[in-house]
Structures are given as structure tokens and as C-alpha cells.
C-alpha atoms as a PDB file:
ATOM      1  CA  MET A   1     -42.184   0.870  15.446  1.00  0.00           C
ATOM      2  CA  GLN A   2     -44.169   2.079  12.452  1.00  0.00           C
ATOM      3  CA  ILE A   3     -42.206   2.698   9.253  1.00  0.00           C
ATOM      4  CA  LYS A   4     -43.019   6.049   7.660  1.00  0.00           C
ATOM      5  CA  ASN A   5     -42.322   6.143   3.948  1.00  0.00           C
ATOM      6  CA  GLY A   6     -41.340   9.787   3.657  1.00  0.00           C
ATOM      7  CA  LEU A   7     -40.008   9.138   0.164  1.00  0.00           C
ATOM      8  CA  ASP A   8     -42.135   6.376  -1.316  1.00  0.00           C
ATOM      9  CA  ASP A   9     -39.630   5.363  -4.001  1.00  0.00           C
ATOM     10  CA  CYS A  10     -38.173   2.106  -2.650  1.00  0.00           C
ATOM     11  CA  ALA A  11     -40.608  -0.220  -4.430  1.00  0.00           C
ATOM     12  CA  CYS A  12     -39.370   0.834  -7.865  1.00  0.00           C
ATOM     13  CA  CYS A  13     -35.714   1.421  -6.909  1.00  0.00           C
ATOM     14  CA  SER A  14     -33.219  -0.782  -8.766  1.00  0.00           C
ATOM     15  CA  SER A  15     -31.143  -0.963  -5.570  1.00  0.00           C
ATOM     16  CA  ASN A  16     -33.891  -2.497  -3.464  1.00  0.00           C
ATOM     17  CA  GLY A  17     -32.545  -5.986  -2.751  1.00  0.00           C
ATOM     18  CA  SER A  18     -30.791  -6.586  -6.091  1.00  0.00           C
ATOM     19  CA  ASP A  19     -27.136  -6.727  -5.017  1.00  0.00           C
ATOM     20  CA  THR A  20     -25.944 -10.272  -4.297  1.00  0.00           C
ATOM     21  CA  HIS A  21     -22.197  -9.674  -3.766  1.00  0.00           C
ATOM     22  CA  ARG A  22     -22.631  -9.231  -0.002  1.00  0.00           C
ATOM     23  CA  ARG A  23     -25.914  -9.420   1.784  1.00  0.00           C
ATOM     24  CA  PHE A  24     -27.365  -9.722   5.285  1.00  0.00           C
ATOM     25  CA  VAL A  25     -30.377 -11.982   5.810  1.00  0.00           C
ATOM     26  CA  LYS A  26     -32.295 -13.175   8.851  1.00  0.00           C
ATOM     27  CA  ARG A  27     -32.462 -16.960   9.235  1.00  0.00           C
ATOM     28  CA  GLU A  28     -34.833 -18.669  11.674  1.00  0.00           C
ATOM     29  CA  PHE A  29     -34.448 -22.395  12.311  1.00  0.00           C
ATOM     30  CA  GLY A  30     -36.375 -25.091  14.138  1.00  0.00           C
ATOM     31  CA  GLN A  31     -35.000 -27.832  16.382  1.00  0.00           C
ATOM     32  CA  TRP A  32     -33.256 -30.650  14.428  1.00  0.00           C
ATOM     33  CA  GLU A  33     -33.541 -28.667  11.186  1.00  0.00           C
ATOM     34  CA  ARG A  34     -30.798 -29.192   8.589  1.00  0.00           C
ATOM     35  CA  ILE A  35     -29.318 -25.817   7.632  1.00  0.00           C
ATOM     36  CA  SER A  36     -27.506 -25.372   4.319  1.00  0.00           C
ATOM     37  CA  PHE A  37     -25.621 -22.552   2.598  1.00  0.00           C
ATOM     38  CA  SER A  38     -24.250 -22.153  -0.934  1.00  0.00           C
ATOM     39  CA  PRO A  39     -20.589 -23.278  -1.156  1.00  0.00           C
ATOM     40  CA  GLU A  40     -20.070 -20.687  -3.907  1.00  0.00           C
ATOM     41  CA  ALA A  41     -20.065 -17.927  -1.275  1.00  0.00           C
ATOM     42  CA  GLY A  42     -18.539 -17.250   2.118  1.00  0.00           C
ATOM     43  CA  HIS A  43     -20.894 -16.832   5.075  1.00  0.00           C
ATOM     44  CA  ILE A  44     -20.588 -15.304   8.536  1.00  0.00           C
ATOM     45  CA  LEU A  45     -23.222 -16.623  10.956  1.00  0.00           C
ATOM     46  CA  PHE A  46     -24.197 -14.549  13.994  1.00  0.00           C
ATOM     47  CA  ILE A  47     -26.050 -16.809  16.433  1.00  0.00           C
ATOM     48  CA  LEU A  48     -28.566 -14.626  18.274  1.00  0.00           C
ATOM     49  CA  GLU A  49     -30.722 -17.426  19.700  1.00  0.00           C
ATOM     50  CA  GLY A  50     -30.358 -21.204  19.876  1.00  0.00           C
ATOM     51  CA  GLU A  51     -27.584 -23.742  19.312  1.00  0.00           C
ATOM     52  CA  ILE A  52     -26.266 -25.517  16.204  1.00  0.00           C
ATOM     53  CA  LYS A  53     -23.948 -28.437  15.425  1.00  0.00           C
ATOM     54  CA  ILE A  54     -21.424 -28.064  12.585  1.00  0.00           C
ATOM     55  CA  GLU A  55     -19.517 -30.921  10.955  1.00  0.00           C
ATOM     56  CA  ASP A  56     -16.639 -30.450   8.530  1.00  0.00           C
ATOM     57  CA  ALA A  57     -14.079 -32.889   7.121  1.00  0.00           C
ATOM     58  CA  LYS A  58     -12.134 -32.933  10.399  1.00  0.00           C
ATOM     59  CA  ASP A  59     -14.457 -32.686  13.378  1.00  0.00           C
ATOM     60  CA  THR A  60     -17.822 -31.747  14.917  1.00  0.00           C
ATOM     61  CA  TYR A  61     -18.435 -28.461  16.724  1.00  0.00           C
ATOM     62  CA  VAL A  62     -21.331 -27.125  18.802  1.00  0.00           C
ATOM     63  CA  ARG A  63     -21.845 -23.365  18.857  1.00  0.00           C
ATOM     64  CA  GLY A  64     -24.529 -21.176  20.401  1.00  0.00           C
ATOM     65  CA  ILE A  65     -25.809 -17.756  21.368  1.00  0.00           C
ATOM     66  CA  ASN A  66     -23.595 -14.684  20.844  1.00  0.00           C
ATOM     67  CA  GLN A  67     -21.034 -16.563  18.739  1.00  0.00           C
ATOM     68  CA  MET A  68     -19.890 -15.848  15.168  1.00  0.00           C
ATOM     69  CA  ILE A  69     -19.003 -18.632  12.741  1.00  0.00           C
ATOM     70  CA  LEU A  70     -17.247 -18.280   9.378  1.00  0.00           C
ATOM     71  CA  LEU A  71     -18.007 -20.742   6.570  1.00  0.00           C
ATOM     72  CA  GLY A  72     -15.365 -20.551   3.827  1.00  0.00           C
ATOM     73  CA  TYR A  73     -15.732 -20.790   0.048  1.00  0.00           C
ATOM     74  CA  ASN A  74     -15.956 -24.256  -1.486  1.00  0.00           C
ATOM     75  CA  HIS A  75     -15.939 -26.028   1.883  1.00  0.00           C
ATOM     76  CA  GLU A  76     -18.427 -28.740   2.775  1.00  0.00           C
ATOM     77  CA  TYR A  77     -20.258 -28.218   6.065  1.00  0.00           C
ATOM     78  CA  ARG A  78     -23.144 -30.180   7.559  1.00  0.00           C
ATOM     79  CA  ILE A  79     -25.151 -28.033   9.944  1.00  0.00           C
ATOM     80  CA  LYS A  80     -27.996 -29.147  12.199  1.00  0.00           C
ATOM     81  CA  ALA A  81     -29.999 -27.098  14.713  1.00  0.00           C
ATOM     82  CA  LEU A  82     -29.941 -28.562  18.225  1.00  0.00           C
ATOM     83  CA  THR A  83     -32.605 -26.094  19.380  1.00  0.00           C
ATOM     84  CA  LYS A  84     -34.821 -23.601  17.624  1.00  0.00           C
ATOM     85  CA  GLY A  85     -33.206 -20.229  17.128  1.00  0.00           C
ATOM     86  CA  ILE A  86     -32.363 -17.175  15.034  1.00  0.00           C
ATOM     87  CA  MET A  87     -29.191 -16.157  13.243  1.00  0.00           C
ATOM     88  CA  LEU A  88     -28.072 -13.193  11.172  1.00  0.00           C
ATOM     89  CA  VAL A  89     -26.138 -14.275   8.069  1.00  0.00           C
ATOM     90  CA  LEU A  90     -23.718 -12.185   6.006  1.00  0.00           C
ATOM     91  CA  SER A  91     -23.068 -13.884   2.646  1.00  0.00           C
ATOM     92  CA  PHE A  92     -20.379 -12.592   0.290  1.00  0.00           C
ATOM     93  CA  THR A  93     -19.284 -13.742  -3.163  1.00  0.00           C
ATOM     94  CA  THR A  94     -16.469 -11.219  -3.679  1.00  0.00           C
ATOM     95  CA  HIS A  95     -13.482 -10.373  -1.546  1.00  0.00           C
ATOM     96  CA  TYR A  96     -13.508  -6.733  -0.474  1.00  0.00           C
ATOM     97  CA  HIS A  97     -11.388  -4.225   1.383  1.00  0.00           C
ATOM     98  CA  VAL A  98     -12.816  -1.495   3.593  1.00  0.00           C
ATOM     99  CA  CYS A  99      -9.667   0.441   4.428  1.00  0.00           C
ATOM    100  CA  VAL A 100      -6.989   1.555   1.954  1.00  0.00           C
ATOM    101  CA  ASN A 101      -4.431   1.638   4.784  1.00  0.00           C
ATOM    102  CA  ILE A 102      -4.581  -2.133   5.297  1.00  0.00           C
ATOM    103  CA  ASN A 103      -1.567  -3.518   3.427  1.00  0.00           C
ATOM    104  CA  ALA A 104      -2.348  -6.858   1.763  1.00  0.00           C
ATOM    105  CA  GLU A 105       1.269  -8.045   1.751  1.00  0.00           C
ATOM    106  CA  ARG A 106       1.676  -7.340   5.482  1.00  0.00           C
ATOM    107  CA  VAL A 107      -1.536  -9.219   6.282  1.00  0.00           C
ATOM    108  CA  TRP A 108      -0.454 -12.063   3.991  1.00  0.00           C
ATOM    109  CA  ARG A 109       2.841 -12.440   5.884  1.00  0.00           C
ATOM    110  CA  THR A 110       0.871 -12.716   9.140  1.00  0.00           C
ATOM    111  CA  MET A 111      -1.535 -15.254   7.639  1.00  0.00           C
ATOM    112  CA  LYS A 112       1.330 -17.531   6.588  1.00  0.00           C
ATOM    113  CA  THR A 113       2.294 -18.006  10.259  1.00  0.00           C
ATOM    114  CA  VAL A 114      -1.196 -19.207  11.222  1.00  0.00           C
ATOM    115  CA  THR A 115      -2.043 -22.902  11.452  1.00  0.00           C
ATOM    116  CA  TYR A 116      -5.734 -23.167  10.638  1.00  0.00           C
ATOM    117  CA  ARG A 117      -8.238 -24.670  13.012  1.00  0.00           C
ATOM    118  CA  PHE A 118     -12.004 -24.243  13.016  1.00  0.00           C
ATOM    119  CA  ASN A 119     -12.529 -21.084  15.021  1.00  0.00           C
ATOM    120  CA  THR A 120     -15.378 -18.900  16.207  1.00  0.00           C
ATOM    121  CA  LEU A 121     -15.526 -15.466  17.797  1.00  0.00           C
ATOM    122  CA  GLU A 122     -17.595 -14.209  20.681  1.00  0.00           C
ATOM    123  CA  MET A 123     -19.726 -11.194  19.828  1.00  0.00           C
ATOM    124  CA  VAL A 124     -18.327  -8.374  21.958  1.00  0.00           C
ATOM    125  CA  PRO A 125     -20.905  -5.695  22.961  1.00  0.00           C
ATOM    126  CA  PRO A 126     -20.226  -3.427  19.909  1.00  0.00           C
ATOM    127  CA  MET A 127     -20.650  -6.416  17.561  1.00  0.00           C
ATOM    128  CA  LEU A 128     -23.824  -7.511  19.315  1.00  0.00           C
ATOM    129  CA  ASP A 129     -25.198  -3.969  18.982  1.00  0.00           C
ATOM    130  CA  PHE A 130     -24.252  -4.035  15.295  1.00  0.00           C
ATOM    131  CA  ALA A 131     -26.046  -7.354  14.694  1.00  0.00           C
ATOM    132  CA  LYS A 132     -29.154  -6.100  16.468  1.00  0.00           C
ATOM    133  CA  SER A 133     -29.165  -2.923  14.352  1.00  0.00           C
ATOM    134  CA  VAL A 134     -29.111  -4.992  11.142  1.00  0.00           C
ATOM    135  CA  MET A 135     -31.878  -7.235  12.472  1.00  0.00           C
ATOM    136  CA  PHE A 136     -33.977  -4.150  13.226  1.00  0.00           C
ATOM    137  CA  TYR A 137     -33.933  -3.140   9.547  1.00  0.00           C
ATOM    138  CA  LEU A 138     -34.567  -6.686   8.323  1.00  0.00           C
ATOM    139  CA  ASP A 139     -37.473  -7.137  10.747  1.00  0.00           C
ATOM    140  CA  HIS A 140     -39.014  -3.997   9.244  1.00  0.00           C
ATOM    141  CA  LYS A 141     -38.459  -5.343   5.704  1.00  0.00           C
ATOM    142  CA  ILE A 142     -35.925  -2.665   4.761  1.00  0.00           C
ATOM    143  CA  TYR A 143     -33.716  -4.348   2.149  1.00  0.00           C
ATOM    144  CA  CYS A 144     -32.049  -1.309   0.516  1.00  0.00           C
ATOM    145  CA  ASP A 145     -28.713  -2.148  -1.145  1.00  0.00           C
ATOM    146  CA  TYR A 146     -27.199   1.145   0.025  1.00  0.00           C
ATOM    147  CA  LEU A 147     -27.976   0.189   3.616  1.00  0.00           C
ATOM    148  CA  GLN A 148     -26.607  -3.330   3.061  1.00  0.00           C
ATOM    149  CA  GLU A 149     -23.413  -1.877   1.598  1.00  0.00           C
ATOM    150  CA  SER A 150     -22.918   0.550   4.479  1.00  0.00           C
ATOM    151  CA  LYS A 151     -23.457  -2.236   7.017  1.00  0.00           C
ATOM    152  CA  ALA A 152     -20.960  -4.463   5.154  1.00  0.00           C
ATOM    153  CA  VAL A 153     -18.394  -1.702   5.689  1.00  0.00           C
ATOM    154  CA  GLU A 154     -19.438  -0.974   9.274  1.00  0.00           C
ATOM    155  CA  ILE A 155     -18.943  -4.567  10.380  1.00  0.00           C
ATOM    156  CA  PHE A 156     -15.280  -4.520   9.408  1.00  0.00           C
ATOM    157  CA  ILE A 157     -14.776  -1.302  11.350  1.00  0.00           C
ATOM    158  CA  VAL A 158     -16.091  -3.184  14.395  1.00  0.00           C
ATOM    159  CA  TYR A 159     -13.735  -6.087  13.649  1.00  0.00           C
ATOM    160  CA  ARG A 160     -10.761  -3.779  13.267  1.00  0.00           C
ATOM    161  CA  PHE A 161     -11.209  -1.823  16.487  1.00  0.00           C
ATOM    162  CA  PHE A 162     -12.687  -4.408  18.862  1.00  0.00           C
ATOM    163  CA  TYR A 163     -10.790  -7.623  18.030  1.00  0.00           C
ATOM    164  CA  THR A 164      -7.086  -8.453  18.032  1.00  0.00           C
ATOM    165  CA  SER A 165      -5.167  -9.204  14.844  1.00  0.00           C
ATOM    166  CA  GLU A 166      -4.573 -12.761  16.097  1.00  0.00           C
ATOM    167  CA  GLU A 167      -8.297 -13.338  16.636  1.00  0.00           C
ATOM    168  CA  LEU A 168      -9.076 -12.038  13.145  1.00  0.00           C
ATOM    169  CA  ALA A 169      -6.281 -14.035  11.479  1.00  0.00           C
ATOM    170  CA  HIS A 170      -7.653 -17.297  12.887  1.00  0.00           C
ATOM    171  CA  PHE A 171     -11.288 -16.399  12.254  1.00  0.00           C
ATOM    172  CA  PHE A 172     -10.918 -15.250   8.632  1.00  0.00           C
ATOM    173  CA  TYR A 173      -8.300 -17.792   7.604  1.00  0.00           C
ATOM    174  CA  PRO A 174     -10.671 -19.898   5.406  1.00  0.00           C
ATOM    175  CA  VAL A 175     -11.346 -16.952   3.081  1.00  0.00           C
ATOM    176  CA  LEU A 176      -8.273 -14.751   3.559  1.00  0.00           C
ATOM    177  CA  TYR A 177      -5.530 -17.334   3.075  1.00  0.00           C
ATOM    178  CA  LYS A 178      -6.235 -17.917  -0.607  1.00  0.00           C
ATOM    179  CA  ASP A 179      -7.611 -14.426  -1.268  1.00  0.00           C
ATOM    180  CA  LEU A 180      -4.562 -12.604   0.101  1.00  0.00           C
ATOM    181  CA  SER A 181      -2.215 -14.933  -1.757  1.00  0.00           C
ATOM    182  CA  PHE A 182      -4.016 -14.042  -4.982  1.00  0.00           C
ATOM    183  CA  ASP A 183      -4.166 -10.347  -4.035  1.00  0.00           C
ATOM    184  CA  THR A 184      -0.411 -10.247  -3.447  1.00  0.00           C
ATOM    185  CA  LEU A 185       0.288 -12.050  -6.738  1.00  0.00           C
ATOM    186  CA  VAL A 186      -1.778  -9.538  -8.704  1.00  0.00           C
ATOM    187  CA  ARG A 187      -0.449  -6.409  -6.989  1.00  0.00           C
ATOM    188  CA  THR A 188       3.151  -7.600  -7.290  1.00  0.00           C
ATOM    189  CA  ASN A 189       2.938  -8.383 -11.004  1.00  0.00           C
ATOM    190  CA  TYR A 190       0.364  -6.164 -12.720  1.00  0.00           C
ATOM    191  CA  GLU A 191       2.831  -3.348 -13.471  1.00  0.00           C
ATOM    192  CA  LYS A 192       5.158  -5.788 -15.246  1.00  0.00           C
ATOM    193  CA  VAL A 193       2.669  -6.676 -18.004  1.00  0.00           C
ATOM    194  CA  LYS A 194       0.757  -5.068 -20.848  1.00  0.00           C
ATOM    195  CA  THR A 195      -2.163  -7.488 -21.224  1.00  0.00           C
ATOM    196  CA  VAL A 196      -4.478  -9.528 -19.005  1.00  0.00           C
ATOM    197  CA  GLN A 197      -3.173 -12.710 -20.667  1.00  0.00           C
ATOM    198  CA  GLU A 198       0.383 -11.822 -19.621  1.00  0.00           C
ATOM    199  CA  LEU A 199      -0.768 -11.168 -16.049  1.00  0.00           C
ATOM    200  CA  ALA A 200      -2.607 -14.514 -15.941  1.00  0.00           C
ATOM    201  CA  ASP A 201       0.536 -16.284 -17.208  1.00  0.00           C
ATOM    202  CA  LEU A 202       2.729 -14.537 -14.639  1.00  0.00           C
ATOM    203  CA  CYS A 203       0.339 -15.498 -11.827  1.00  0.00           C
ATOM    204  CA  GLY A 204       0.249 -19.115 -13.011  1.00  0.00           C
ATOM    205  CA  TYR A 205      -3.379 -19.373 -14.198  1.00  0.00           C
ATOM    206  CA  SER A 206      -5.167 -20.066 -17.453  1.00  0.00           C
ATOM    207  CA  LEU A 207      -6.881 -16.926 -18.751  1.00  0.00           C
ATOM    208  CA  SER A 208     -10.422 -18.182 -18.087  1.00  0.00           C
ATOM    209  CA  ARG A 209      -9.579 -19.370 -14.552  1.00  0.00           C
ATOM    210  CA  PHE A 210      -7.744 -16.113 -13.802  1.00  0.00           C
ATOM    211  CA  LYS A 211     -10.689 -13.965 -14.903  1.00  0.00           C
ATOM    212  CA  LYS A 212     -13.129 -15.992 -12.801  1.00  0.00           C
ATOM    213  CA  ILE A 213     -11.017 -15.754  -9.633  1.00  0.00           C
ATOM    214  CA  PHE A 214     -10.238 -12.094 -10.307  1.00  0.00           C
ATOM    215  CA  VAL A 215     -13.890 -11.051 -10.574  1.00  0.00           C
ATOM    216  CA  ARG A 216     -14.764 -12.947  -7.395  1.00  0.00           C
ATOM    217  CA  HIS A 217     -11.866 -11.296  -5.576  1.00  0.00           C
ATOM    218  CA  PHE A 218     -12.036  -7.699  -6.848  1.00  0.00           C
ATOM    219  CA  GLY A 219     -15.624  -7.461  -8.089  1.00  0.00           C
ATOM    220  CA  ILE A 220     -14.636  -6.168 -11.557  1.00  0.00           C
ATOM    221  CA  SER A 221     -12.777  -7.512 -14.607  1.00  0.00           C
ATOM    222  CA  PRO A 222      -8.944  -7.572 -14.690  1.00  0.00           C
ATOM    223  CA  TYR A 223      -8.904  -4.972 -17.480  1.00  0.00           C
ATOM    224  CA  GLN A 224     -11.125  -2.564 -15.522  1.00  0.00           C
ATOM    225  CA  TRP A 225      -9.051  -3.010 -12.374  1.00  0.00           C
ATOM    226  CA  ILE A 226      -5.744  -2.422 -14.176  1.00  0.00           C
ATOM    227  CA  GLN A 227      -7.206   0.719 -15.760  1.00  0.00           C
ATOM    228  CA  GLN A 228      -8.299   1.958 -12.329  1.00  0.00           C
ATOM    229  CA  GLN A 229      -4.786   1.465 -10.946  1.00  0.00           C
ATOM    230  CA  LYS A 230      -3.274   3.262 -13.934  1.00  0.00           C
ATOM    231  CA  ILE A 231      -5.687   6.190 -13.621  1.00  0.00           C
ATOM    232  CA  SER A 232      -5.002   6.505  -9.899  1.00  0.00           C
ATOM    233  CA  LYS A 233      -1.216   6.455 -10.374  1.00  0.00           C
ATOM    234  CA  ILE A 234      -1.329   8.968 -13.228  1.00  0.00           C
ATOM    235  CA  LYS A 235      -3.404  11.349 -11.123  1.00  0.00           C
ATOM    236  CA  ALA A 236      -1.021  11.006  -8.173  1.00  0.00           C
ATOM    237  CA  SER A 237       1.960  11.707 -10.449  1.00  0.00           C
ATOM    238  CA  LEU A 238       0.287  14.764 -11.968  1.00  0.00           C
ATOM    239  CA  LEU A 239      -0.353  16.196  -8.507  1.00  0.00           C
ATOM    240  CA  ASP A 240       3.378  15.919  -7.774  1.00  0.00           C
ATOM    241  CA  LYS A 241       4.733  19.126  -9.314  1.00  0.00           C
ATOM    242  CA  THR A 242       8.325  17.937  -9.078  1.00  0.00           C
ATOM    243  CA  VAL A 243       7.659  15.462 -11.914  1.00  0.00           C
ATOM    244  CA  PRO A 244       7.464  16.982 -15.442  1.00  0.00           C
ATOM    245  CA  ILE A 245       4.293  16.109 -17.351  1.00  0.00           C
ATOM    246  CA  LYS A 246       6.422  14.963 -20.276  1.00  0.00           C
ATOM    247  CA  SER A 247       8.148  12.428 -17.997  1.00  0.00           C
ATOM    248  CA  ILE A 248       4.777  11.157 -16.778  1.00  0.00           C
ATOM    249  CA  ALA A 249       3.627  10.575 -20.352  1.00  0.00           C
ATOM    250  CA  TYR A 250       6.785   8.565 -21.054  1.00  0.00           C
ATOM    251  CA  GLU A 251       6.597   6.603 -17.771  1.00  0.00           C
ATOM    252  CA  PHE A 252       3.046   5.395 -18.454  1.00  0.00           C
ATOM    253  CA  GLY A 253       3.693   4.415 -22.069  1.00  0.00           C
ATOM    254  CA  PHE A 254       2.028   7.286 -23.939  1.00  0.00           C
ATOM    255  CA  VAL A 255       3.478   8.228 -27.332  1.00  0.00           C
ATOM    256  CA  ASP A 256       3.516  11.901 -26.370  1.00  0.00           C
ATOM    257  CA  GLN A 257       1.788  14.467 -24.151  1.00  0.00           C
ATOM    258  CA  SER A 258      -1.174  14.803 -26.493  1.00  0.00           C
ATOM    259  CA  HIS A 259      -2.056  11.134 -25.942  1.00  0.00           C
ATOM    260  CA  LEU A 260      -1.790  11.635 -22.165  1.00  0.00           C
ATOM    261  CA  ASN A 261      -4.004  14.698 -22.577  1.00  0.00           C
ATOM    262  CA  THR A 262      -6.658  12.625 -24.403  1.00  0.00           C
ATOM    263  CA  PHE A 263      -6.490   9.874 -21.768  1.00  0.00           C
ATOM    264  CA  CYS A 264      -6.905  12.323 -18.873  1.00  0.00           C
ATOM    265  CA  LYS A 265      -9.857  14.086 -20.482  1.00  0.00           C
ATOM    266  CA  LYS A 266     -11.555  10.728 -21.076  1.00  0.00           C
ATOM    267  CA  TYR A 267     -11.014   9.189 -17.635  1.00  0.00           C
ATOM    268  CA  LEU A 268     -10.440  12.179 -15.326  1.00  0.00           C
ATOM    269  CA  ASN A 269     -12.536  14.823 -17.108  1.00  0.00           C
ATOM    270  CA  ALA A 270      -9.642  17.287 -17.127  1.00  0.00           C
ATOM    271  CA  THR A 271      -6.343  17.944 -18.879  1.00  0.00           C
ATOM    272  CA  PRO A 272      -3.064  17.046 -17.149  1.00  0.00           C
ATOM    273  CA  LEU A 273      -2.403  20.732 -16.458  1.00  0.00           C
ATOM    274  CA  GLN A 274      -5.872  21.234 -14.969  1.00  0.00           C
ATOM    275  CA  ILE A 275      -5.350  18.227 -12.690  1.00  0.00           C
ATOM    276  CA  ARG A 276      -1.954  19.552 -11.601  1.00  0.00           C
ATOM    277  CA  ASN A 277      -3.346  23.016 -10.896  1.00  0.00           C
ATOM    278  CA  SER A 278      -6.287  21.564  -8.972  1.00  0.00           C
ATOM    279  CA  SER A 279      -3.913  20.782  -6.099  1.00  0.00           C
ATOM    280  CA  GLU A 280      -3.516  24.508  -5.517  1.00  0.00           C
ATOM    281  CA  VAL A 281      -7.280  24.834  -5.062  1.00  0.00           C
ATOM    282  CA  GLN A 282      -7.478  21.808  -2.760  1.00  0.00           C
ATOM    283  CA  ASN A 283      -4.411  22.870  -0.725  1.00  0.00           C
ATOM    284  CA  PRO A 284      -4.370  26.692  -0.631  1.00  0.00           C
ATOM    285  CA  SER A 285      -1.385  28.437   0.865  1.00  0.00           C
ATOM    286  CA  LYS A 286      -1.626  29.234   4.573  1.00  0.00           C
ATOM    287  CA  ASP A 287       0.393  32.440   4.194  1.00  0.00           C
END
């Protein structure tokens, strides 16, 4: 199929192949070829053609067409192609969520009951269709970051609706076990502290180590993330008309309402009263 550049702006776009946090690439391999991946990232391999042999510290595994393989962070794998073939690879250097309704603590409790073993998943028809759709864009040299981002979200929708929770717990264990432990630590403790140093201490990390893990997990600095949580909670409180604005200012540590007013104008582009009244516009009376 011929690509028609209706808007010929991609060549100079800053989002054309620059994002490295999560990225799909096509990987072709020849028979007996050694295949390597960076241990600094996690990788999901979608075998579309061919067969590969994987060795880890415990055993050797042979996997082939229409199977998915997860390589965890900081794990050593030795991979060799037994035949020539093609795979789609999703590499990711930050943990990410795609649904706000997925509760990290609930998932973490489930993960703690799982005994890890090297595990692969069969590509069910919707996943196979997904992989082929990504390959279509890559084959036509379309590397847009916006497309990559949307596909990184789409894949987890496929996982959520077409695989069981048990299948996903075993498959994602190498990356989720540590990530969800860290996620739960942060979300349980961040409201108890005033500084990033205090949060690092409470979670049991040195400050430098904490910042490094935090950025890999959340994609932003601890300070930025804590600010985002604070902004979100303040907005939610302001939209609840049963809570006086004065009480909200006190609850979130502002000296008085004028300081809350300054904060809201800076981060929410509106005064507390404007935010509160905006709920009437968003939810008009049905009478």
C-alpha cells in the first residue's frame, strides 16, 4: 500500500521516533543468530515467524510462532535463533498504568501468592491482530511517537479483556513483582511526609537510589509526582461542596485561603471558588 503524506510534517516533528520509554520495533533474525536485548529495560517478544531458544539462570526454553515472551529488568538471558524468523518487540524502561481503576494494592496481594516460573502466553486472535497492525505501520516506516504511545495503551486493553488474571500474573511477574511492591510503598507513605528525603527514608532507600527507581517506575521525579497527587486531591475536595474551602486550605497545609487561592491559580488556572462552581457547569441540573 502506498503511503500518502497528506500532512508532510513528520520529518521535522520532534515526536518522530524520539521517545524511548516504550517502543515497538521489528526484529528479523537468521538461523543460529545470537539475539540480545538491553538488561536496563523490559521486553515483550511477539514471535511471528520462526523459533528461538532462551536460557536463563535456571533452565532452557524453546518458543516459537504465535507466542509472547517477557524478559524482565536486570535479568540475564541468552537467546539463540533455531530458525530464521521475525518478531515484534515492545521495550519499556518505565512502569506504566493504563487504567485508573486497576488498584495496585489489590494486584500486589495477588502477585504475592504467585510462585514464579518462566512463562509465555499464546497470542489469542485479538492479540495476533494487534501485533500485525503494529507491524503494518513499522513495515511502512511510520515511527510516530503518538502512534507508539497509543499502541502501548491498546496492548494492555487486549491483555485485560482477553486473558485471565492468573495468566497475566504469571506472565508479568518478572516486572510487576518488584514494581508493584514499590508502587504500594510509595502510595501508602507519600501522604505521611513533607519532603522527598522523608519519603525515601520511609520506603527504606537512599535518596539517590529512590529517585532512580521512582523515575523508572513513574516516568517523572518524586517531587513532580507528589505535586500531581496533591493537585488532584485538592481539585476533588473543591468539587465536593460539603467541604468548606477554609477546611481544605487547612487540610492541605496552606497558611490561609489566600495561599490556596495562589496555588490553584498557578496549577489549575482558576480560583478555588471557580473550580467549585465549575461542577455546576459540568453537571447541570436535570430539573
